[in-house]
C-alpha cells in the first residue's frame, strides 16, 4: 500500500513473538481456558509443518493448505475461519509457492479468535 500510494514510509516486518510453547503472544490468549490454551498449540504446530513442507520443495499452495487444515482439524476445540497462502508483496492468494510466501490463518477456539502466520520459502 505504501508503494502504491507513493508514501514516504518504510515498512519493516518483524518476527512474531512466541511463548516457549510456540503460541503467538497475544492479549487474546488471556481469554483461553487452560484446555483451550493447550488446543491453541496446534496453530504453531501446523505452521511449522507448512514451513517444513515448503522447505522440502513443496510448491503447491493447495497441498500445504490441506496439511495445515488437516493438522488443525485433529484438535476438536478448533473452528477454522481461514487458512491462506498469500504473496508477501500484495497478499494476493497464491496457487504456487514460488520463492517466499506467507501462510496466514485464523482459528476460533472457544469464544476466542486467534490469528497467526509464518513466512515460508519453497526450495524446489
N, C-alpha and C. Protein backbone atom coordinates (compact mmCIF):
# COMPACT_ATOMS: atom_id res chain seq x y z
N UNK A 1 0.83 -1.18 0.00
CA UNK A 1 0.00 0.00 0.00
C UNK A 1 0.88 1.25 0.00
N UNK A 2 1.96 1.23 0.78
CA UNK A 2 2.82 2.40 0.81
C UNK A 2 3.45 2.64 -0.55
N UNK A 3 3.77 1.57 -1.25
CA UNK A 3 4.35 1.69 -2.59
C UNK A 3 3.30 2.20 -3.57
N UNK A 4 2.08 1.62 -3.51
CA UNK A 4 1.00 2.03 -4.42
C UNK A 4 0.63 3.49 -4.24
N UNK A 5 0.65 3.96 -3.01
CA UNK A 5 0.26 5.35 -2.73
C UNK A 5 1.45 6.30 -2.70
N UNK A 6 2.64 5.75 -3.00
CA UNK A 6 3.87 6.54 -3.04
C UNK A 6 4.09 7.30 -1.72
N UNK A 7 3.85 6.61 -0.62
CA UNK A 7 4.03 7.21 0.69
C UNK A 7 5.50 7.16 1.09
N UNK A 8 5.97 8.17 1.74
CA UNK A 8 7.36 8.23 2.19
C UNK A 8 7.46 7.53 3.55
N UNK A 9 7.19 6.23 3.51
CA UNK A 9 7.17 5.42 4.73
C UNK A 9 7.90 4.12 4.44
N UNK A 10 8.70 3.68 5.38
CA UNK A 10 9.36 2.37 5.25
C UNK A 10 8.67 1.40 6.19
N UNK A 11 8.18 0.30 5.65
CA UNK A 11 7.51 -0.72 6.45
C UNK A 11 8.51 -1.84 6.72
N UNK A 12 8.65 -2.18 7.99
CA UNK A 12 9.55 -3.27 8.37
C UNK A 12 8.76 -4.40 8.98
N UNK A 13 8.91 -5.58 8.43
CA UNK A 13 8.30 -6.76 9.01
C UNK A 13 9.17 -7.29 10.13
N UNK A 14 8.57 -7.58 11.24
CA UNK A 14 9.31 -8.11 12.38
C UNK A 14 8.75 -9.48 12.74
N UNK A 15 9.58 -10.33 13.32
CA UNK A 15 9.09 -11.67 13.67
C UNK A 15 8.06 -11.61 14.78
N UNK A 16 7.15 -12.57 14.75
CA UNK A 16 6.18 -12.72 15.83
C UNK A 16 6.92 -13.12 17.10
N UNK A 17 6.45 -12.64 18.21
CA UNK A 17 6.99 -13.06 19.49
C UNK A 17 6.13 -14.24 19.95
N UNK A 18 6.79 -15.34 20.26
CA UNK A 18 6.10 -16.55 20.66
C UNK A 18 6.48 -16.96 22.07
N UNK A 19 5.55 -17.58 22.75
CA UNK A 19 5.81 -18.17 24.06
C UNK A 19 6.74 -19.37 23.84
N UNK A 20 7.33 -19.88 24.88
CA UNK A 20 8.23 -21.02 24.76
C UNK A 20 7.54 -22.24 24.16
N UNK A 21 6.21 -22.33 24.33
CA UNK A 21 5.46 -23.46 23.77
C UNK A 21 5.10 -23.26 22.30
N UNK A 22 5.42 -22.08 21.73
CA UNK A 22 5.17 -21.83 20.32
C UNK A 22 3.96 -20.97 20.03
N UNK A 23 3.07 -20.78 21.00
CA UNK A 23 1.87 -19.98 20.79
C UNK A 23 2.26 -18.51 20.63
N UNK A 24 1.74 -17.86 19.58
CA UNK A 24 2.00 -16.45 19.38
C UNK A 24 1.47 -15.66 20.57
N UNK A 25 2.29 -14.76 21.09
CA UNK A 25 1.85 -13.96 22.23
C UNK A 25 0.82 -12.94 21.78
N UNK A 26 -0.29 -12.90 22.50
CA UNK A 26 -1.39 -12.01 22.17
C UNK A 26 -2.22 -11.77 23.42
N UNK A 27 -2.79 -10.59 23.52
CA UNK A 27 -3.67 -10.32 24.66
C UNK A 27 -4.90 -11.23 24.60
N UNK A 28 -5.24 -11.72 23.41
CA UNK A 28 -6.39 -12.62 23.28
C UNK A 28 -6.18 -13.94 24.01
N UNK A 29 -4.94 -14.33 24.20
CA UNK A 29 -4.66 -15.59 24.88
C UNK A 29 -5.23 -15.62 26.29
N UNK A 30 -5.40 -14.45 26.89
CA UNK A 30 -5.93 -14.41 28.25
C UNK A 30 -7.39 -14.86 28.31
N UNK A 31 -8.06 -14.89 27.18
CA UNK A 31 -9.45 -15.35 27.12
C UNK A 31 -9.56 -16.88 27.04
N UNK A 32 -8.43 -17.55 26.81
CA UNK A 32 -8.44 -19.00 26.66
C UNK A 32 -8.38 -19.68 28.02
N UNK A 33 -9.18 -20.73 28.17
CA UNK A 33 -9.05 -21.57 29.36
C UNK A 33 -7.75 -22.37 29.21
N UNK A 34 -7.36 -23.07 30.26
CA UNK A 34 -6.15 -23.89 30.19
C UNK A 34 -6.28 -24.93 29.08
N UNK A 35 -7.45 -25.56 28.98
CA UNK A 35 -7.68 -26.57 27.94
C UNK A 35 -7.61 -25.93 26.55
N UNK A 36 -8.21 -24.76 26.39
CA UNK A 36 -8.19 -24.07 25.10
C UNK A 36 -6.77 -23.62 24.75
N UNK A 37 -6.00 -23.21 25.75
CA UNK A 37 -4.61 -22.82 25.52
C UNK A 37 -3.79 -23.98 25.00
N UNK A 38 -4.03 -25.15 25.56
CA UNK A 38 -3.32 -26.34 25.05
C UNK A 38 -3.76 -26.65 23.62
N UNK A 39 -5.04 -26.50 23.34
CA UNK A 39 -5.55 -26.75 21.99
C UNK A 39 -4.96 -25.76 20.99
N UNK A 40 -4.73 -24.53 21.43
CA UNK A 40 -4.20 -23.49 20.54
C UNK A 40 -2.80 -23.78 20.04
N UNK A 41 -2.08 -24.65 20.72
CA UNK A 41 -0.73 -25.00 20.29
C UNK A 41 -0.71 -25.65 18.91
N UNK A 42 -1.86 -26.16 18.48
CA UNK A 42 -1.94 -26.78 17.16
C UNK A 42 -1.70 -25.75 16.05
N UNK A 43 -1.93 -24.48 16.33
CA UNK A 43 -1.71 -23.45 15.31
C UNK A 43 -0.23 -23.36 14.94
N UNK A 44 0.63 -23.19 15.93
CA UNK A 44 2.06 -23.09 15.63
C UNK A 44 2.59 -24.41 15.08
N UNK A 45 2.04 -25.52 15.55
CA UNK A 45 2.45 -26.82 15.01
C UNK A 45 2.12 -26.91 13.52
N UNK A 46 0.93 -26.49 13.14
CA UNK A 46 0.53 -26.58 11.73
C UNK A 46 1.38 -25.63 10.87
N UNK A 47 1.73 -24.47 11.40
CA UNK A 47 2.55 -23.54 10.64
C UNK A 47 3.98 -24.06 10.46
N UNK A 48 4.50 -24.71 11.48
CA UNK A 48 5.84 -25.31 11.34
C UNK A 48 5.81 -26.42 10.30
N UNK A 49 4.72 -27.18 10.25
CA UNK A 49 4.59 -28.22 9.22
C UNK A 49 4.54 -27.60 7.83
N UNK A 50 3.84 -26.49 7.68
CA UNK A 50 3.79 -25.79 6.39
C UNK A 50 5.18 -25.32 5.99
N UNK A 51 5.90 -24.78 6.94
CA UNK A 51 7.27 -24.31 6.69
C UNK A 51 8.16 -25.47 6.24
N UNK A 52 8.03 -26.61 6.90
CA UNK A 52 8.83 -27.78 6.56
C UNK A 52 8.48 -28.30 5.16
N UNK A 53 7.20 -28.33 4.83
CA UNK A 53 6.79 -28.79 3.50
C UNK A 53 7.39 -27.91 2.41
N UNK A 54 7.27 -26.60 2.59
CA UNK A 54 7.82 -25.67 1.60
C UNK A 54 9.34 -25.81 1.53
N UNK A 55 9.97 -25.93 2.69
CA UNK A 55 11.41 -26.09 2.72
C UNK A 55 11.90 -27.35 2.05
N UNK A 56 11.03 -28.37 2.03
CA UNK A 56 11.37 -29.64 1.37
C UNK A 56 11.06 -29.60 -0.12
N UNK A 57 10.53 -28.46 -0.61
CA UNK A 57 10.30 -28.33 -2.04
C UNK A 57 8.86 -28.32 -2.50
N UNK A 58 7.91 -28.47 -1.58
CA UNK A 58 6.50 -28.44 -1.98
C UNK A 58 6.15 -27.05 -2.48
N UNK A 59 5.63 -26.97 -3.70
CA UNK A 59 5.27 -25.68 -4.28
C UNK A 59 3.76 -25.49 -4.42
N UNK A 60 2.98 -26.52 -4.17
CA UNK A 60 1.54 -26.41 -4.29
C UNK A 60 0.95 -25.79 -3.02
N UNK A 61 0.40 -24.58 -3.16
CA UNK A 61 -0.24 -23.94 -2.02
C UNK A 61 -1.40 -24.79 -1.53
N UNK A 62 -2.13 -25.39 -2.47
CA UNK A 62 -3.28 -26.22 -2.10
C UNK A 62 -2.85 -27.39 -1.20
N UNK A 63 -1.72 -28.02 -1.51
CA UNK A 63 -1.24 -29.14 -0.72
C UNK A 63 -0.83 -28.69 0.69
N UNK A 64 -0.17 -27.56 0.77
CA UNK A 64 0.27 -27.06 2.08
C UNK A 64 -0.94 -26.64 2.91
N UNK A 65 -1.90 -25.96 2.29
CA UNK A 65 -3.12 -25.56 3.00
C UNK A 65 -3.86 -26.79 3.50
N UNK A 66 -3.95 -27.83 2.68
CA UNK A 66 -4.64 -29.05 3.08
C UNK A 66 -3.99 -29.67 4.31
N UNK A 67 -2.66 -29.66 4.36
CA UNK A 67 -1.93 -30.21 5.50
C UNK A 67 -2.21 -29.39 6.76
N UNK A 68 -2.20 -28.07 6.63
CA UNK A 68 -2.47 -27.20 7.77
C UNK A 68 -3.89 -27.45 8.30
N UNK A 69 -4.85 -27.52 7.39
CA UNK A 69 -6.24 -27.76 7.78
C UNK A 69 -6.39 -29.12 8.46
N UNK A 70 -5.72 -30.13 7.92
CA UNK A 70 -5.79 -31.48 8.50
C UNK A 70 -5.21 -31.48 9.91
N UNK A 71 -4.09 -30.83 10.10
CA UNK A 71 -3.45 -30.79 11.42
C UNK A 71 -4.33 -30.06 12.42
N UNK A 72 -4.84 -28.90 12.05
CA UNK A 72 -5.69 -28.13 12.95
C UNK A 72 -6.99 -28.89 13.23
N UNK A 73 -7.51 -29.54 12.20
CA UNK A 73 -8.76 -30.28 12.33
C UNK A 73 -8.70 -31.45 13.29
N UNK A 74 -7.51 -31.91 13.62
CA UNK A 74 -7.36 -33.00 14.59
C UNK A 74 -7.66 -32.54 16.01
N UNK A 75 -7.65 -31.23 16.21
CA UNK A 75 -7.94 -30.68 17.54
C UNK A 75 -9.42 -30.32 17.58
N UNK A 76 -10.22 -31.04 18.38
CA UNK A 76 -11.68 -30.85 18.36
C UNK A 76 -12.17 -29.48 18.83
N UNK A 77 -11.36 -28.74 19.56
CA UNK A 77 -11.81 -27.44 20.06
C UNK A 77 -11.66 -26.31 19.04
N UNK A 78 -11.11 -26.63 17.87
CA UNK A 78 -10.84 -25.58 16.88
C UNK A 78 -11.94 -25.47 15.85
N UNK A 79 -12.14 -24.25 15.39
CA UNK A 79 -13.02 -23.95 14.26
C UNK A 79 -12.23 -23.03 13.33
N UNK A 80 -11.86 -23.56 12.15
CA UNK A 80 -11.04 -22.79 11.22
C UNK A 80 -11.88 -21.72 10.53
N UNK A 81 -11.41 -20.48 10.61
CA UNK A 81 -12.04 -19.39 9.88
C UNK A 81 -11.43 -19.29 8.48
N UNK A 82 -10.10 -19.32 8.41
CA UNK A 82 -9.43 -19.36 7.11
C UNK A 82 -7.99 -19.83 7.26
N UNK A 83 -7.49 -20.41 6.19
CA UNK A 83 -6.07 -20.71 6.01
C UNK A 83 -5.75 -20.30 4.59
N UNK A 84 -4.80 -19.39 4.43
CA UNK A 84 -4.44 -18.88 3.11
C UNK A 84 -2.93 -18.85 2.96
N UNK A 85 -2.49 -19.01 1.73
CA UNK A 85 -1.10 -18.75 1.38
C UNK A 85 -1.13 -17.60 0.40
N UNK A 86 -0.43 -16.53 0.78
CA UNK A 86 -0.51 -15.29 0.01
C UNK A 86 0.87 -14.75 -0.32
N UNK A 87 0.88 -13.88 -1.32
CA UNK A 87 2.10 -13.19 -1.75
C UNK A 87 2.55 -12.23 -0.66
N UNK A 88 3.84 -12.15 -0.45
CA UNK A 88 4.39 -11.21 0.52
C UNK A 88 4.26 -9.78 0.02
N UNK A 89 4.13 -9.59 -1.28
CA UNK A 89 4.07 -8.24 -1.85
C UNK A 89 2.69 -7.60 -1.71
N UNK A 90 1.65 -8.35 -2.06
CA UNK A 90 0.32 -7.74 -2.11
C UNK A 90 -0.76 -8.56 -1.40
N UNK A 91 -0.36 -9.62 -0.75
CA UNK A 91 -1.27 -10.50 -0.01
C UNK A 91 -2.33 -11.15 -0.89
N UNK A 92 -2.06 -11.25 -2.18
CA UNK A 92 -2.96 -11.96 -3.09
C UNK A 92 -2.77 -13.46 -2.88
N UNK A 93 -3.85 -14.23 -2.88
CA UNK A 93 -3.74 -15.69 -2.73
C UNK A 93 -2.86 -16.29 -3.82
N UNK A 94 -2.07 -17.27 -3.45
CA UNK A 94 -1.17 -17.94 -4.39
C UNK A 94 -1.62 -19.37 -4.64
N UNK A 95 -1.39 -19.84 -5.86
CA UNK A 95 -1.58 -21.26 -6.19
C UNK A 95 -0.27 -22.01 -6.03
N UNK A 96 0.84 -21.32 -6.32
CA UNK A 96 2.16 -21.93 -6.24
C UNK A 96 3.04 -21.12 -5.30
N UNK A 97 3.84 -21.82 -4.54
CA UNK A 97 4.81 -21.18 -3.68
C UNK A 97 6.10 -21.09 -4.48
N UNK A 98 6.33 -19.97 -5.06
CA UNK A 98 7.50 -19.76 -5.91
C UNK A 98 8.36 -18.71 -5.23
N UNK A 99 9.29 -19.16 -4.42
CA UNK A 99 10.05 -18.24 -3.60
C UNK A 99 9.35 -18.07 -2.26
N UNK A 100 9.20 -16.84 -1.81
CA UNK A 100 8.63 -16.58 -0.50
C UNK A 100 7.12 -16.37 -0.53
N UNK A 101 6.48 -16.71 0.56
CA UNK A 101 5.03 -16.54 0.70
C UNK A 101 4.72 -16.45 2.19
N UNK A 102 3.47 -16.15 2.47
CA UNK A 102 3.02 -16.06 3.85
C UNK A 102 1.85 -17.02 4.04
N UNK A 103 1.94 -17.86 5.05
CA UNK A 103 0.80 -18.69 5.45
C UNK A 103 0.11 -17.93 6.57
N UNK A 104 -1.15 -17.59 6.36
CA UNK A 104 -1.92 -16.84 7.35
C UNK A 104 -3.16 -17.64 7.71
N UNK A 105 -3.50 -17.62 8.99
CA UNK A 105 -4.68 -18.36 9.41
C UNK A 105 -5.39 -17.65 10.54
N UNK A 106 -6.66 -17.96 10.64
CA UNK A 106 -7.49 -17.51 11.77
C UNK A 106 -8.30 -18.71 12.21
N UNK A 107 -8.28 -18.96 13.50
CA UNK A 107 -8.95 -20.12 14.08
C UNK A 107 -9.64 -19.68 15.36
N UNK A 108 -10.89 -20.09 15.51
CA UNK A 108 -11.61 -19.79 16.74
C UNK A 108 -11.53 -21.00 17.66
N UNK A 109 -11.17 -20.72 18.90
CA UNK A 109 -11.10 -21.75 19.93
C UNK A 109 -11.94 -21.23 21.09
N UNK A 110 -13.02 -21.95 21.38
CA UNK A 110 -13.97 -21.43 22.37
C UNK A 110 -14.62 -20.18 21.81
N UNK A 111 -14.47 -19.09 22.52
CA UNK A 111 -15.02 -17.81 22.06
C UNK A 111 -13.93 -16.87 21.56
N UNK A 112 -12.71 -17.39 21.43
CA UNK A 112 -11.56 -16.56 21.10
C UNK A 112 -11.08 -16.84 19.69
N UNK A 113 -10.98 -15.80 18.89
CA UNK A 113 -10.46 -15.92 17.52
C UNK A 113 -8.99 -15.56 17.54
N UNK A 114 -8.17 -16.54 17.17
CA UNK A 114 -6.73 -16.37 17.14
C UNK A 114 -6.25 -16.26 15.70
N UNK A 115 -5.28 -15.40 15.47
CA UNK A 115 -4.66 -15.30 14.15
C UNK A 115 -3.18 -15.61 14.31
N UNK A 116 -2.59 -16.13 13.26
CA UNK A 116 -1.17 -16.45 13.28
C UNK A 116 -0.70 -16.51 11.84
N UNK A 117 0.61 -16.44 11.65
CA UNK A 117 1.17 -16.53 10.31
C UNK A 117 2.64 -16.91 10.40
N UNK A 118 3.15 -17.31 9.24
CA UNK A 118 4.57 -17.63 9.14
C UNK A 118 5.01 -17.41 7.70
N UNK A 119 6.20 -16.92 7.55
CA UNK A 119 6.80 -16.78 6.21
C UNK A 119 7.37 -18.13 5.82
N UNK A 120 7.13 -18.51 4.59
CA UNK A 120 7.68 -19.77 4.10
C UNK A 120 8.40 -19.50 2.78
N UNK A 121 9.26 -20.42 2.42
CA UNK A 121 10.00 -20.31 1.18
C UNK A 121 10.18 -21.70 0.59
N UNK A 122 9.81 -21.82 -0.68
CA UNK A 122 9.96 -23.11 -1.36
C UNK A 122 11.40 -23.26 -1.82
N UNK A 123 11.94 -24.42 -1.60
CA UNK A 123 13.31 -24.71 -2.00
C UNK A 123 13.36 -25.61 -3.23
N UNK A 124 12.20 -25.70 -3.93
CA UNK A 124 12.09 -26.60 -5.07
C UNK A 124 12.74 -26.11 -6.31
